[in-house]
N, C-alpha and C. Protein backbone atom coordinates (compact mmCIF):
# COMPACT_ATOMS: atom_id res chain seq x y z
N MET A 1 9.23 -15.60 7.99
CA MET A 1 10.26 -14.65 7.58
C MET A 1 11.10 -14.35 8.83
N ILE A 2 12.47 -14.67 8.80
CA ILE A 2 13.42 -14.32 9.77
C ILE A 2 14.10 -13.15 9.27
N ASP A 3 13.80 -12.01 9.88
CA ASP A 3 14.07 -10.62 9.32
C ASP A 3 15.48 -10.16 9.61
N CYS A 4 16.52 -10.75 9.03
CA CYS A 4 17.80 -10.28 9.24
C CYS A 4 18.03 -8.98 8.56
N VAL A 5 17.19 -8.64 7.52
CA VAL A 5 17.39 -7.43 6.77
C VAL A 5 17.06 -6.24 7.71
N THR A 6 15.83 -6.31 8.38
CA THR A 6 15.45 -5.22 9.20
C THR A 6 16.50 -5.10 10.38
N LEU A 7 16.89 -6.20 11.04
CA LEU A 7 17.72 -6.18 12.12
C LEU A 7 19.05 -5.54 11.74
N GLY A 8 19.49 -5.74 10.56
CA GLY A 8 20.74 -5.12 10.01
C GLY A 8 20.56 -3.59 9.93
N LEU A 9 19.40 -3.24 9.51
CA LEU A 9 19.20 -1.79 9.20
C LEU A 9 18.99 -1.00 10.49
N VAL A 10 18.54 -1.59 11.55
CA VAL A 10 18.24 -0.93 12.81
C VAL A 10 19.34 -1.22 13.94
N SER A 11 20.39 -1.94 13.58
CA SER A 11 21.35 -2.37 14.61
C SER A 11 22.04 -1.19 15.36
N SER A 12 22.15 -0.11 14.68
CA SER A 12 22.72 1.03 15.39
C SER A 12 21.84 1.95 16.14
N LEU A 13 20.54 1.60 16.11
CA LEU A 13 19.55 2.40 16.77
C LEU A 13 19.30 1.93 18.19
N GLY A 14 18.85 2.88 19.10
CA GLY A 14 18.51 2.54 20.37
C GLY A 14 17.21 1.94 20.52
N PRO A 15 16.81 1.44 21.73
CA PRO A 15 15.48 0.64 21.90
C PRO A 15 14.29 1.61 21.80
N GLU A 16 14.40 2.99 21.85
CA GLU A 16 13.32 3.88 21.79
C GLU A 16 13.07 4.35 20.40
N ALA A 17 14.00 4.02 19.46
CA ALA A 17 13.82 4.40 18.05
C ALA A 17 12.57 3.79 17.41
N LEU A 18 11.86 4.63 16.77
CA LEU A 18 10.64 4.13 16.04
C LEU A 18 10.94 3.68 14.61
N ILE A 19 10.72 2.47 14.27
CA ILE A 19 10.95 1.82 12.92
C ILE A 19 9.57 1.73 12.23
N ALA A 20 9.54 2.20 10.98
CA ALA A 20 8.36 2.10 10.20
C ALA A 20 8.64 1.50 8.83
N GLY A 21 7.65 0.64 8.45
CA GLY A 21 7.61 0.06 7.17
C GLY A 21 6.62 0.76 6.31
N VAL A 22 6.85 1.04 5.05
CA VAL A 22 5.90 1.71 4.14
C VAL A 22 5.77 0.93 2.85
N ASP A 23 4.54 0.77 2.38
CA ASP A 23 4.30 0.08 1.18
C ASP A 23 2.99 0.68 0.57
N GLU A 24 2.86 0.52 -0.72
CA GLU A 24 1.75 1.11 -1.53
C GLU A 24 0.81 -0.05 -2.09
N ALA A 25 -0.38 0.37 -2.43
CA ALA A 25 -1.34 -0.51 -3.16
C ALA A 25 -2.03 0.33 -4.20
N GLY A 26 -2.10 -0.20 -5.40
CA GLY A 26 -2.94 0.57 -6.46
C GLY A 26 -2.08 1.45 -7.32
N ARG A 27 -0.79 1.33 -7.32
CA ARG A 27 0.05 2.21 -8.19
C ARG A 27 -0.29 2.05 -9.67
N GLY A 28 -0.45 0.77 -10.07
CA GLY A 28 -0.70 0.47 -11.49
C GLY A 28 -2.11 0.37 -11.86
N SER A 29 -3.06 0.59 -10.99
CA SER A 29 -4.50 0.43 -11.26
C SER A 29 -4.98 1.46 -12.23
N TRP A 30 -5.95 1.12 -12.99
CA TRP A 30 -6.63 2.07 -13.88
C TRP A 30 -7.62 2.89 -13.13
N ALA A 31 -8.05 2.50 -12.06
CA ALA A 31 -9.21 3.27 -11.38
C ALA A 31 -9.02 3.19 -9.83
N GLY A 32 -9.58 4.10 -9.27
CA GLY A 32 -9.55 4.21 -7.69
C GLY A 32 -8.38 4.94 -7.21
N PRO A 33 -8.16 5.12 -5.94
CA PRO A 33 -7.06 5.86 -5.41
C PRO A 33 -5.80 4.95 -5.34
N VAL A 34 -4.66 5.57 -5.21
CA VAL A 34 -3.42 4.88 -4.75
C VAL A 34 -3.40 5.03 -3.21
N GLY A 35 -3.10 3.94 -2.59
CA GLY A 35 -3.13 3.86 -1.18
C GLY A 35 -1.65 3.53 -0.59
N VAL A 36 -1.33 4.07 0.50
CA VAL A 36 -0.07 3.83 1.17
C VAL A 36 -0.31 3.48 2.58
N GLY A 37 0.32 2.28 2.99
CA GLY A 37 0.15 1.80 4.38
C GLY A 37 1.52 1.95 5.04
N VAL A 38 1.36 2.31 6.36
CA VAL A 38 2.53 2.27 7.30
C VAL A 38 2.31 1.49 8.51
N ALA A 39 3.34 0.85 8.96
CA ALA A 39 3.34 0.04 10.19
C ALA A 39 4.65 0.30 10.95
N ALA A 40 4.46 0.70 12.20
CA ALA A 40 5.63 1.17 13.02
C ALA A 40 5.75 0.46 14.41
N MET A 41 6.91 0.25 14.84
CA MET A 41 7.23 -0.41 16.09
C MET A 41 8.52 0.16 16.64
N LEU A 42 8.65 0.19 17.99
CA LEU A 42 9.82 0.59 18.60
C LEU A 42 10.94 -0.52 18.44
N ARG A 43 12.09 0.00 18.31
CA ARG A 43 13.30 -0.95 18.01
C ARG A 43 13.41 -1.99 19.15
N GLY A 44 13.12 -1.56 20.42
CA GLY A 44 13.32 -2.53 21.49
C GLY A 44 12.22 -3.57 21.61
N ASP A 45 11.19 -3.37 20.74
CA ASP A 45 9.98 -4.33 20.74
C ASP A 45 10.26 -5.34 19.54
N LEU A 46 11.05 -4.87 18.55
CA LEU A 46 11.06 -5.53 17.22
C LEU A 46 11.70 -6.91 17.25
N GLU A 47 12.89 -7.08 17.98
CA GLU A 47 13.57 -8.29 17.90
C GLU A 47 12.72 -9.51 18.36
N GLY A 48 12.09 -9.32 19.48
CA GLY A 48 11.26 -10.33 20.04
C GLY A 48 10.05 -10.65 19.19
N PHE A 49 9.51 -9.57 18.59
CA PHE A 49 8.27 -9.77 17.83
C PHE A 49 8.81 -10.64 16.58
N LEU A 50 9.87 -10.49 16.05
CA LEU A 50 10.27 -11.27 14.83
C LEU A 50 10.23 -12.71 15.18
N GLU A 51 10.50 -13.11 16.41
CA GLU A 51 10.53 -14.57 16.62
C GLU A 51 9.12 -15.16 17.02
N GLU A 52 8.00 -14.23 16.95
CA GLU A 52 6.78 -14.89 17.19
C GLU A 52 6.42 -15.83 16.04
N PRO A 53 5.75 -17.00 16.43
CA PRO A 53 5.49 -18.03 15.40
C PRO A 53 4.72 -17.47 14.24
N TRP A 54 3.54 -16.74 14.52
CA TRP A 54 2.68 -16.28 13.46
C TRP A 54 3.35 -15.30 12.58
N VAL A 55 4.42 -14.60 12.96
CA VAL A 55 5.09 -13.62 12.22
C VAL A 55 5.97 -14.44 11.24
N ARG A 56 6.67 -15.44 11.78
CA ARG A 56 7.65 -16.19 10.99
C ARG A 56 6.95 -17.00 9.96
N ARG A 57 5.72 -17.46 10.21
CA ARG A 57 5.02 -18.30 9.34
C ARG A 57 4.12 -17.53 8.32
N HIS A 58 3.61 -16.43 8.61
CA HIS A 58 2.54 -15.81 7.87
C HIS A 58 2.70 -14.45 7.43
N LEU A 59 3.55 -13.58 8.09
CA LEU A 59 3.69 -12.15 7.73
C LEU A 59 4.69 -11.98 6.62
N ASN A 60 4.05 -11.80 5.39
CA ASN A 60 4.95 -11.72 4.25
C ASN A 60 4.31 -10.77 3.32
N ASP A 61 4.81 -10.63 2.06
CA ASP A 61 4.21 -9.81 0.99
C ASP A 61 2.67 -10.10 0.98
N SER A 62 1.87 -9.08 1.13
CA SER A 62 0.42 -9.33 1.12
C SER A 62 -0.18 -9.91 -0.07
N LYS A 63 0.58 -9.68 -1.35
CA LYS A 63 0.08 -10.23 -2.57
C LYS A 63 0.21 -11.71 -2.60
N THR A 64 1.03 -12.28 -1.69
CA THR A 64 1.07 -13.73 -1.73
C THR A 64 0.12 -14.43 -0.78
N LEU A 65 -0.67 -13.68 -0.02
CA LEU A 65 -1.69 -14.17 0.86
C LEU A 65 -3.01 -14.18 0.15
N THR A 66 -3.87 -15.14 0.67
CA THR A 66 -5.23 -15.13 0.09
C THR A 66 -5.98 -13.94 0.85
N PRO A 67 -7.07 -13.41 0.24
CA PRO A 67 -7.90 -12.36 0.88
C PRO A 67 -8.37 -12.79 2.34
N ALA A 68 -8.67 -14.10 2.47
CA ALA A 68 -9.11 -14.47 3.87
C ALA A 68 -7.94 -14.31 4.76
N TRP A 69 -6.80 -14.78 4.43
CA TRP A 69 -5.63 -14.73 5.29
C TRP A 69 -5.29 -13.20 5.73
N ARG A 70 -5.43 -12.38 4.66
CA ARG A 70 -5.09 -10.89 4.93
C ARG A 70 -6.17 -10.41 5.92
N GLU A 71 -7.38 -10.78 5.89
CA GLU A 71 -8.37 -10.22 6.82
C GLU A 71 -8.19 -10.85 8.21
N VAL A 72 -7.59 -12.03 8.28
CA VAL A 72 -7.27 -12.70 9.61
C VAL A 72 -6.11 -11.89 10.22
N LEU A 73 -5.04 -11.63 9.44
CA LEU A 73 -3.86 -11.04 10.01
C LEU A 73 -3.93 -9.57 10.19
N LEU A 74 -4.76 -8.78 9.62
CA LEU A 74 -4.78 -7.45 9.81
C LEU A 74 -4.95 -6.96 11.24
N PRO A 75 -6.02 -7.59 11.93
CA PRO A 75 -6.30 -7.18 13.26
C PRO A 75 -5.04 -7.45 14.17
N GLN A 76 -4.30 -8.49 13.93
CA GLN A 76 -3.08 -8.80 14.69
C GLN A 76 -1.99 -7.78 14.45
N VAL A 77 -1.87 -7.31 13.19
CA VAL A 77 -0.90 -6.25 12.71
C VAL A 77 -1.39 -4.99 13.43
N ARG A 78 -2.55 -4.65 13.51
CA ARG A 78 -3.01 -3.41 14.10
C ARG A 78 -2.82 -3.37 15.58
N LYS A 79 -2.89 -4.58 16.16
CA LYS A 79 -2.64 -4.68 17.73
C LYS A 79 -1.17 -4.47 18.05
N ASP A 80 -0.25 -4.99 17.20
CA ASP A 80 1.18 -5.00 17.52
C ASP A 80 1.90 -3.78 16.92
N PHE A 81 1.37 -3.22 15.90
CA PHE A 81 2.02 -1.99 15.21
C PHE A 81 1.15 -0.87 15.45
N SER A 82 1.82 0.39 15.42
CA SER A 82 1.08 1.58 15.16
C SER A 82 0.91 1.69 13.64
N THR A 83 -0.28 1.92 13.07
CA THR A 83 -0.47 1.83 11.72
C THR A 83 -1.18 3.06 11.20
N GLY A 84 -0.99 3.37 9.91
CA GLY A 84 -1.70 4.36 9.22
C GLY A 84 -1.95 4.05 7.86
N PHE A 85 -2.89 4.72 7.16
CA PHE A 85 -3.19 4.44 5.70
C PHE A 85 -3.68 5.81 5.13
N GLY A 86 -3.03 6.02 3.98
CA GLY A 86 -3.39 7.29 3.36
C GLY A 86 -3.63 7.05 1.85
N THR A 87 -4.44 7.88 1.25
CA THR A 87 -4.62 7.72 -0.20
C THR A 87 -4.41 9.07 -0.90
N ALA A 88 -4.26 8.98 -2.22
CA ALA A 88 -4.40 10.01 -3.22
C ALA A 88 -5.47 9.67 -4.10
N SER A 89 -6.36 10.52 -4.45
CA SER A 89 -7.54 10.22 -5.17
C SER A 89 -7.20 10.05 -6.69
N PRO A 90 -8.05 9.47 -7.45
CA PRO A 90 -7.82 9.33 -8.95
C PRO A 90 -7.53 10.64 -9.52
N GLY A 91 -8.34 11.75 -9.16
CA GLY A 91 -7.98 13.05 -9.67
C GLY A 91 -6.59 13.58 -9.38
N GLU A 92 -6.18 13.32 -8.16
CA GLU A 92 -4.82 13.72 -7.74
C GLU A 92 -3.69 12.85 -8.46
N CYS A 93 -3.98 11.54 -8.67
CA CYS A 93 -3.03 10.82 -9.48
C CYS A 93 -2.93 11.40 -10.91
N ASP A 94 -4.10 11.88 -11.50
CA ASP A 94 -4.05 12.37 -12.84
C ASP A 94 -3.30 13.81 -12.81
N GLU A 95 -3.55 14.63 -11.87
CA GLU A 95 -3.15 15.95 -11.77
C GLU A 95 -1.66 16.01 -11.40
N LEU A 96 -1.32 15.19 -10.48
CA LEU A 96 0.11 15.30 -9.88
C LEU A 96 1.11 14.33 -10.63
N GLY A 97 0.62 13.27 -11.18
CA GLY A 97 1.52 12.17 -11.60
C GLY A 97 1.70 11.20 -10.48
N MET A 98 2.16 10.01 -10.66
CA MET A 98 2.14 8.99 -9.68
C MET A 98 3.16 9.20 -8.62
N THR A 99 4.30 9.67 -8.96
CA THR A 99 5.25 9.92 -7.89
C THR A 99 4.79 10.82 -6.88
N ALA A 100 4.36 11.99 -7.34
CA ALA A 100 3.87 12.99 -6.34
C ALA A 100 2.56 12.54 -5.67
N ALA A 101 1.74 11.74 -6.29
CA ALA A 101 0.54 11.21 -5.60
C ALA A 101 0.98 10.12 -4.57
N LEU A 102 1.95 9.34 -4.80
CA LEU A 102 2.37 8.45 -3.81
C LEU A 102 2.98 9.19 -2.58
N SER A 103 3.74 10.24 -2.93
CA SER A 103 4.28 11.08 -1.79
C SER A 103 3.09 11.62 -0.94
N LEU A 104 2.10 12.16 -1.63
CA LEU A 104 0.91 12.68 -0.93
C LEU A 104 0.30 11.70 0.02
N ALA A 105 0.01 10.58 -0.55
CA ALA A 105 -0.63 9.41 0.23
C ALA A 105 0.33 9.03 1.41
N ALA A 106 1.55 8.96 1.09
CA ALA A 106 2.50 8.55 2.17
C ALA A 106 2.58 9.50 3.37
N GLU A 107 2.57 10.84 3.02
CA GLU A 107 2.56 11.78 4.09
C GLU A 107 1.21 11.73 4.90
N ARG A 108 0.14 11.44 4.21
CA ARG A 108 -1.15 11.25 4.93
C ARG A 108 -1.17 10.12 5.78
N ALA A 109 -0.54 8.98 5.37
CA ALA A 109 -0.38 7.77 6.25
C ALA A 109 0.52 8.02 7.38
N LEU A 110 1.68 8.57 7.17
CA LEU A 110 2.70 8.84 8.24
C LEU A 110 2.15 9.79 9.23
N SER A 111 1.44 10.74 8.88
CA SER A 111 0.88 11.80 9.78
C SER A 111 -0.05 11.19 10.87
N GLN A 112 -0.60 10.03 10.56
CA GLN A 112 -1.44 9.28 11.49
C GLN A 112 -0.76 8.66 12.68
N LEU A 113 0.62 8.54 12.53
CA LEU A 113 1.49 7.97 13.68
C LEU A 113 1.60 8.98 14.78
N GLY A 114 1.50 10.23 14.48
CA GLY A 114 1.54 11.24 15.40
C GLY A 114 3.03 11.67 15.82
N VAL A 115 3.97 10.87 15.32
CA VAL A 115 5.32 11.15 15.64
C VAL A 115 6.12 10.80 14.30
N VAL A 116 7.37 11.26 14.14
CA VAL A 116 8.16 10.97 12.87
C VAL A 116 8.97 9.75 13.16
N PRO A 117 9.00 8.79 12.39
CA PRO A 117 9.88 7.57 12.69
C PRO A 117 11.36 7.94 12.55
N ASP A 118 12.15 7.25 13.31
CA ASP A 118 13.56 7.41 13.29
C ASP A 118 14.10 6.80 12.00
N LEU A 119 13.53 5.65 11.62
CA LEU A 119 13.95 4.96 10.34
C LEU A 119 12.70 4.56 9.59
N THR A 120 12.54 4.85 8.33
CA THR A 120 11.39 4.44 7.54
C THR A 120 11.91 3.55 6.42
N ILE A 121 11.43 2.25 6.37
CA ILE A 121 11.87 1.29 5.34
C ILE A 121 10.88 1.32 4.31
N LEU A 122 11.19 1.81 3.11
CA LEU A 122 10.20 1.99 2.03
C LEU A 122 10.37 0.91 0.94
N ASP A 123 9.36 0.17 0.66
CA ASP A 123 9.37 -0.82 -0.38
C ASP A 123 9.71 -0.26 -1.71
N GLY A 124 10.67 -0.90 -2.48
CA GLY A 124 11.01 -0.50 -3.75
C GLY A 124 12.40 0.15 -3.91
N LYS A 125 12.63 0.78 -4.97
CA LYS A 125 13.95 1.35 -5.22
C LYS A 125 13.96 2.92 -5.33
N HIS A 126 12.66 3.43 -5.42
CA HIS A 126 12.54 4.87 -5.58
C HIS A 126 11.99 5.48 -4.22
N ASP A 127 12.66 6.51 -3.75
CA ASP A 127 12.08 7.25 -2.55
C ASP A 127 11.17 8.37 -2.98
N TYR A 128 9.88 7.98 -2.78
CA TYR A 128 8.78 9.01 -3.12
C TYR A 128 8.36 9.73 -1.87
N ILE A 129 8.99 9.43 -0.68
CA ILE A 129 8.74 10.12 0.63
C ILE A 129 9.54 11.38 0.72
N SER A 130 10.85 11.16 0.42
CA SER A 130 11.85 12.32 0.51
C SER A 130 11.82 13.12 1.85
N ARG A 131 12.06 12.41 2.96
CA ARG A 131 12.28 12.92 4.22
C ARG A 131 13.40 12.21 4.79
N PRO A 132 14.12 12.93 5.84
CA PRO A 132 15.25 12.25 6.47
C PRO A 132 14.85 10.82 7.12
N GLY A 133 15.90 9.87 7.13
CA GLY A 133 15.64 8.65 7.75
C GLY A 133 15.01 7.60 6.95
N VAL A 134 14.84 7.82 5.52
CA VAL A 134 14.13 6.86 4.72
C VAL A 134 15.22 6.02 3.99
N VAL A 135 15.04 4.68 4.06
CA VAL A 135 15.82 3.72 3.18
C VAL A 135 15.00 2.92 2.28
N THR A 136 15.32 2.72 1.09
CA THR A 136 14.56 2.01 0.15
C THR A 136 15.09 0.55 0.18
N LEU A 137 14.16 -0.25 -0.08
CA LEU A 137 14.48 -1.74 -0.02
C LEU A 137 13.69 -2.51 -1.13
N VAL A 138 14.41 -3.00 -2.11
CA VAL A 138 13.79 -3.65 -3.20
C VAL A 138 13.13 -5.04 -2.63
N LYS A 139 11.92 -5.33 -3.06
CA LYS A 139 11.15 -6.43 -2.50
C LYS A 139 11.14 -6.42 -1.04
N GLY A 140 10.94 -5.24 -0.55
CA GLY A 140 10.88 -5.10 0.98
C GLY A 140 9.76 -5.79 1.56
N ASP A 141 8.67 -5.95 0.80
CA ASP A 141 7.41 -6.50 1.36
C ASP A 141 7.69 -8.01 1.61
N SER A 142 8.73 -8.60 1.09
CA SER A 142 9.00 -10.01 1.35
C SER A 142 10.24 -10.19 2.00
N ARG A 143 10.94 -9.06 2.42
CA ARG A 143 12.25 -9.20 3.03
C ARG A 143 12.35 -8.47 4.41
N SER A 144 11.34 -7.66 4.70
CA SER A 144 11.31 -6.94 6.00
C SER A 144 9.85 -7.02 6.52
N VAL A 145 9.75 -7.43 7.83
CA VAL A 145 8.49 -7.65 8.37
C VAL A 145 7.78 -6.24 8.62
N PRO A 146 8.36 -5.10 8.96
CA PRO A 146 7.55 -3.89 9.15
C PRO A 146 6.99 -3.55 7.66
N VAL A 147 7.72 -3.84 6.56
CA VAL A 147 7.25 -3.47 5.31
C VAL A 147 6.13 -4.48 4.93
N ALA A 148 6.23 -5.73 5.27
CA ALA A 148 5.22 -6.63 5.03
C ALA A 148 3.85 -6.30 5.70
N ALA A 149 4.10 -5.76 6.97
CA ALA A 149 2.91 -5.38 7.69
C ALA A 149 2.16 -4.16 7.09
N ALA A 150 3.11 -3.23 6.61
CA ALA A 150 2.41 -1.98 5.85
C ALA A 150 1.82 -2.43 4.59
N SER A 151 2.41 -3.44 3.90
CA SER A 151 1.85 -4.01 2.69
C SER A 151 0.45 -4.53 2.99
N LEU A 152 0.28 -5.19 4.06
CA LEU A 152 -0.98 -5.75 4.42
C LEU A 152 -2.08 -4.67 4.70
N VAL A 153 -1.63 -3.70 5.46
CA VAL A 153 -2.47 -2.55 5.68
C VAL A 153 -2.95 -1.85 4.41
N ALA A 154 -1.99 -1.58 3.44
CA ALA A 154 -2.34 -0.88 2.21
C ALA A 154 -3.23 -1.78 1.38
N LYS A 155 -3.01 -3.04 1.18
CA LYS A 155 -3.80 -3.89 0.43
C LYS A 155 -5.21 -4.05 0.94
N VAL A 156 -5.34 -4.38 2.28
CA VAL A 156 -6.65 -4.58 2.72
C VAL A 156 -7.49 -3.40 2.68
N GLU A 157 -6.99 -2.22 3.10
CA GLU A 157 -7.70 -0.97 3.10
C GLU A 157 -8.02 -0.52 1.66
N ARG A 158 -7.15 -0.64 0.79
CA ARG A 158 -7.58 -0.16 -0.57
C ARG A 158 -8.62 -1.20 -1.21
N ASP A 159 -8.39 -2.40 -1.02
CA ASP A 159 -9.44 -3.49 -1.49
C ASP A 159 -10.79 -3.11 -0.93
N ALA A 160 -10.90 -2.73 0.33
CA ALA A 160 -12.19 -2.38 0.89
C ALA A 160 -12.70 -1.16 0.20
N ILE A 161 -11.89 -0.16 -0.17
CA ILE A 161 -12.45 1.09 -0.90
C ILE A 161 -13.01 0.61 -2.31
N MET A 162 -12.30 -0.36 -2.89
CA MET A 162 -12.66 -0.75 -4.24
C MET A 162 -14.06 -1.60 -4.21
N ARG A 163 -14.11 -2.42 -3.17
CA ARG A 163 -15.34 -3.25 -2.96
C ARG A 163 -16.51 -2.21 -2.86
N GLU A 164 -16.32 -1.23 -2.01
CA GLU A 164 -17.35 -0.25 -1.82
C GLU A 164 -17.79 0.45 -3.21
N ALA A 165 -16.66 0.71 -3.84
CA ALA A 165 -17.00 1.38 -5.18
C ALA A 165 -17.77 0.43 -6.10
N GLY A 166 -17.43 -0.84 -6.07
CA GLY A 166 -18.26 -1.80 -6.83
C GLY A 166 -19.65 -1.88 -6.46
N ALA A 167 -19.96 -1.71 -5.19
CA ALA A 167 -21.36 -1.72 -4.80
C ALA A 167 -22.08 -0.47 -5.23
N ARG A 168 -21.37 0.56 -5.30
CA ARG A 168 -21.95 1.81 -5.79
C ARG A 168 -22.10 1.94 -7.31
N MET A 169 -21.23 1.35 -8.00
CA MET A 169 -21.11 1.42 -9.46
C MET A 169 -20.90 0.05 -9.97
N PRO A 170 -21.88 -0.87 -9.95
CA PRO A 170 -21.79 -2.30 -10.35
C PRO A 170 -21.34 -2.60 -11.72
N ALA A 171 -21.60 -1.62 -12.62
CA ALA A 171 -21.37 -1.91 -14.01
C ALA A 171 -19.73 -2.06 -14.30
N TRP A 172 -18.97 -1.60 -13.48
CA TRP A 172 -17.49 -1.83 -13.74
C TRP A 172 -16.79 -2.94 -13.07
N GLY A 173 -17.48 -3.58 -12.09
CA GLY A 173 -16.90 -4.76 -11.50
C GLY A 173 -15.79 -4.50 -10.60
N PHE A 174 -15.76 -3.32 -9.96
CA PHE A 174 -14.50 -2.98 -9.28
C PHE A 174 -14.24 -3.95 -8.04
N GLU A 175 -15.29 -4.51 -7.54
CA GLU A 175 -15.17 -5.51 -6.45
C GLU A 175 -14.30 -6.70 -6.83
N ASN A 176 -14.30 -7.04 -8.15
CA ASN A 176 -13.48 -8.18 -8.59
C ASN A 176 -12.12 -7.88 -8.98
N HIS A 177 -11.83 -6.91 -9.85
CA HIS A 177 -10.48 -6.53 -10.39
C HIS A 177 -9.80 -5.39 -9.49
N LYS A 178 -10.58 -4.74 -8.65
CA LYS A 178 -9.99 -3.70 -7.80
C LYS A 178 -9.32 -2.57 -8.52
N GLY A 179 -9.91 -2.43 -9.76
CA GLY A 179 -9.44 -1.27 -10.59
C GLY A 179 -8.24 -1.61 -11.56
N TYR A 180 -7.69 -2.69 -11.39
CA TYR A 180 -6.53 -3.09 -12.34
C TYR A 180 -7.00 -3.49 -13.65
N GLY A 181 -6.08 -3.53 -14.56
CA GLY A 181 -6.44 -3.83 -15.93
C GLY A 181 -6.71 -5.37 -16.05
N SER A 182 -7.74 -5.69 -16.75
CA SER A 182 -8.10 -7.18 -17.05
C SER A 182 -9.05 -7.07 -18.23
N ARG A 183 -9.30 -8.20 -18.79
CA ARG A 183 -10.19 -8.41 -19.88
C ARG A 183 -11.63 -7.94 -19.50
N ALA A 184 -12.09 -8.34 -18.25
CA ALA A 184 -13.35 -8.05 -17.74
C ALA A 184 -13.44 -6.47 -17.62
N HIS A 185 -12.31 -5.87 -17.14
CA HIS A 185 -12.36 -4.34 -16.88
C HIS A 185 -12.50 -3.63 -18.21
N GLU A 186 -11.64 -4.25 -19.22
CA GLU A 186 -11.68 -3.58 -20.53
C GLU A 186 -13.08 -3.69 -21.18
N ALA A 187 -13.71 -4.84 -20.95
CA ALA A 187 -15.15 -5.04 -21.53
C ALA A 187 -16.07 -4.05 -20.89
N ALA A 188 -16.00 -3.85 -19.57
CA ALA A 188 -16.90 -2.87 -18.92
C ALA A 188 -16.62 -1.53 -19.36
N LEU A 189 -15.30 -1.13 -19.54
CA LEU A 189 -15.06 0.30 -20.03
C LEU A 189 -15.56 0.48 -21.44
N LEU A 190 -15.53 -0.57 -22.33
CA LEU A 190 -15.95 -0.35 -23.78
C LEU A 190 -17.49 -0.37 -23.74
N ALA A 191 -18.16 -1.05 -22.78
CA ALA A 191 -19.53 -0.95 -22.73
C ALA A 191 -20.14 0.25 -22.00
N ASN A 192 -19.33 0.78 -21.01
CA ASN A 192 -19.96 1.96 -20.11
C ASN A 192 -19.17 3.12 -20.13
N GLY A 193 -17.98 3.21 -20.71
CA GLY A 193 -17.16 4.32 -20.70
C GLY A 193 -16.50 4.36 -19.27
N LEU A 194 -15.94 5.55 -19.09
CA LEU A 194 -15.18 5.87 -17.86
C LEU A 194 -16.08 6.20 -16.63
N SER A 195 -15.77 5.70 -15.54
CA SER A 195 -16.57 6.09 -14.31
C SER A 195 -15.95 7.25 -13.68
N GLY A 196 -16.53 7.73 -12.65
CA GLY A 196 -16.07 8.86 -11.94
C GLY A 196 -14.68 8.56 -11.17
N ILE A 197 -14.30 7.38 -11.06
CA ILE A 197 -13.07 7.05 -10.31
C ILE A 197 -11.92 6.47 -11.23
N HIS A 198 -12.08 6.52 -12.45
CA HIS A 198 -11.04 6.20 -13.50
C HIS A 198 -10.05 7.20 -13.58
N ARG A 199 -8.81 6.82 -13.78
CA ARG A 199 -7.76 7.66 -13.98
C ARG A 199 -7.67 8.05 -15.50
N ARG A 200 -7.98 9.23 -15.79
CA ARG A 200 -8.16 9.57 -17.10
C ARG A 200 -6.82 9.81 -17.99
N SER A 201 -5.74 10.02 -17.28
CA SER A 201 -4.44 10.39 -18.05
C SER A 201 -3.68 9.03 -18.24
N TRP A 202 -4.07 7.87 -17.83
CA TRP A 202 -3.43 6.61 -18.03
C TRP A 202 -3.50 6.25 -19.43
N GLY A 203 -2.58 5.36 -19.91
CA GLY A 203 -2.41 5.02 -21.24
C GLY A 203 -3.60 4.17 -21.85
N TYR A 204 -4.17 3.44 -20.93
CA TYR A 204 -5.29 2.55 -21.42
C TYR A 204 -6.44 3.42 -21.94
N VAL A 205 -6.64 4.59 -21.68
CA VAL A 205 -7.75 5.49 -22.03
C VAL A 205 -7.66 5.63 -23.61
N LYS A 206 -6.44 6.01 -24.02
CA LYS A 206 -6.16 6.24 -25.48
C LYS A 206 -6.20 4.90 -26.23
N ARG A 207 -5.54 3.85 -25.59
CA ARG A 207 -5.55 2.62 -26.25
C ARG A 207 -6.88 2.05 -26.57
N LEU A 208 -7.85 2.26 -25.71
CA LEU A 208 -9.25 1.72 -25.80
C LEU A 208 -10.10 2.69 -26.54
N GLY A 209 -9.56 3.79 -26.85
CA GLY A 209 -10.35 4.84 -27.67
C GLY A 209 -11.53 5.43 -26.77
N LEU A 210 -11.27 5.66 -25.42
CA LEU A 210 -12.23 6.16 -24.56
C LEU A 210 -12.10 7.68 -24.51
N ASP A 211 -13.20 8.37 -24.16
CA ASP A 211 -13.27 9.74 -24.06
C ASP A 211 -12.86 10.26 -22.75
N ALA A 212 -11.62 10.72 -22.59
CA ALA A 212 -11.05 11.16 -21.30
C ALA A 212 -11.84 12.39 -20.71
N ASP A 213 -12.66 13.14 -21.54
CA ASP A 213 -13.30 14.36 -21.07
C ASP A 213 -14.76 14.07 -20.66
N GLN A 214 -15.13 12.88 -20.75
CA GLN A 214 -16.61 12.53 -20.54
C GLN A 214 -16.94 12.72 -19.10
């Protein structure tokens, strides 16, 4: 990825400006938290970083990478970027709705940086952060390296949470589908009902005839 998009967005900023990418994981999941990752770097360090061979070859939308590659790349991302990861629980997703839950998870992730970024590049077209200095970028995880790095953080961290949930609650197979809708997930729900980490206000509950109050 030769990141002309990010360079264009930061061209007017000084070398000490902090540039952050933000992306989510688990927005459409039926179970588990929604997670938001952030990856930040100083403007003065960014241009040279974009020319690194491993960045140009491999740092892209995390969904296009194999799980093995994601695990390989994450330590490098953590070395080069300041990173954060925040979640909103399934209960918070139900109570607040997804936009507010994403906002909460993003604030928790961004707070881990310790400073407020001068520019935050948010994947997608909707600004769920609502703070100064945020720009949205459709398909940002495949067009901007900081967003791709944030995507990697969000995906790996949330997958780890769902694997741990699978170990605690093997009946639902969370380690395989990570809480997303699938035939196997539907079969597990019909056999076992809702677990403690399912989102009870989501449409699949009514469609499958599940008891949201159980």
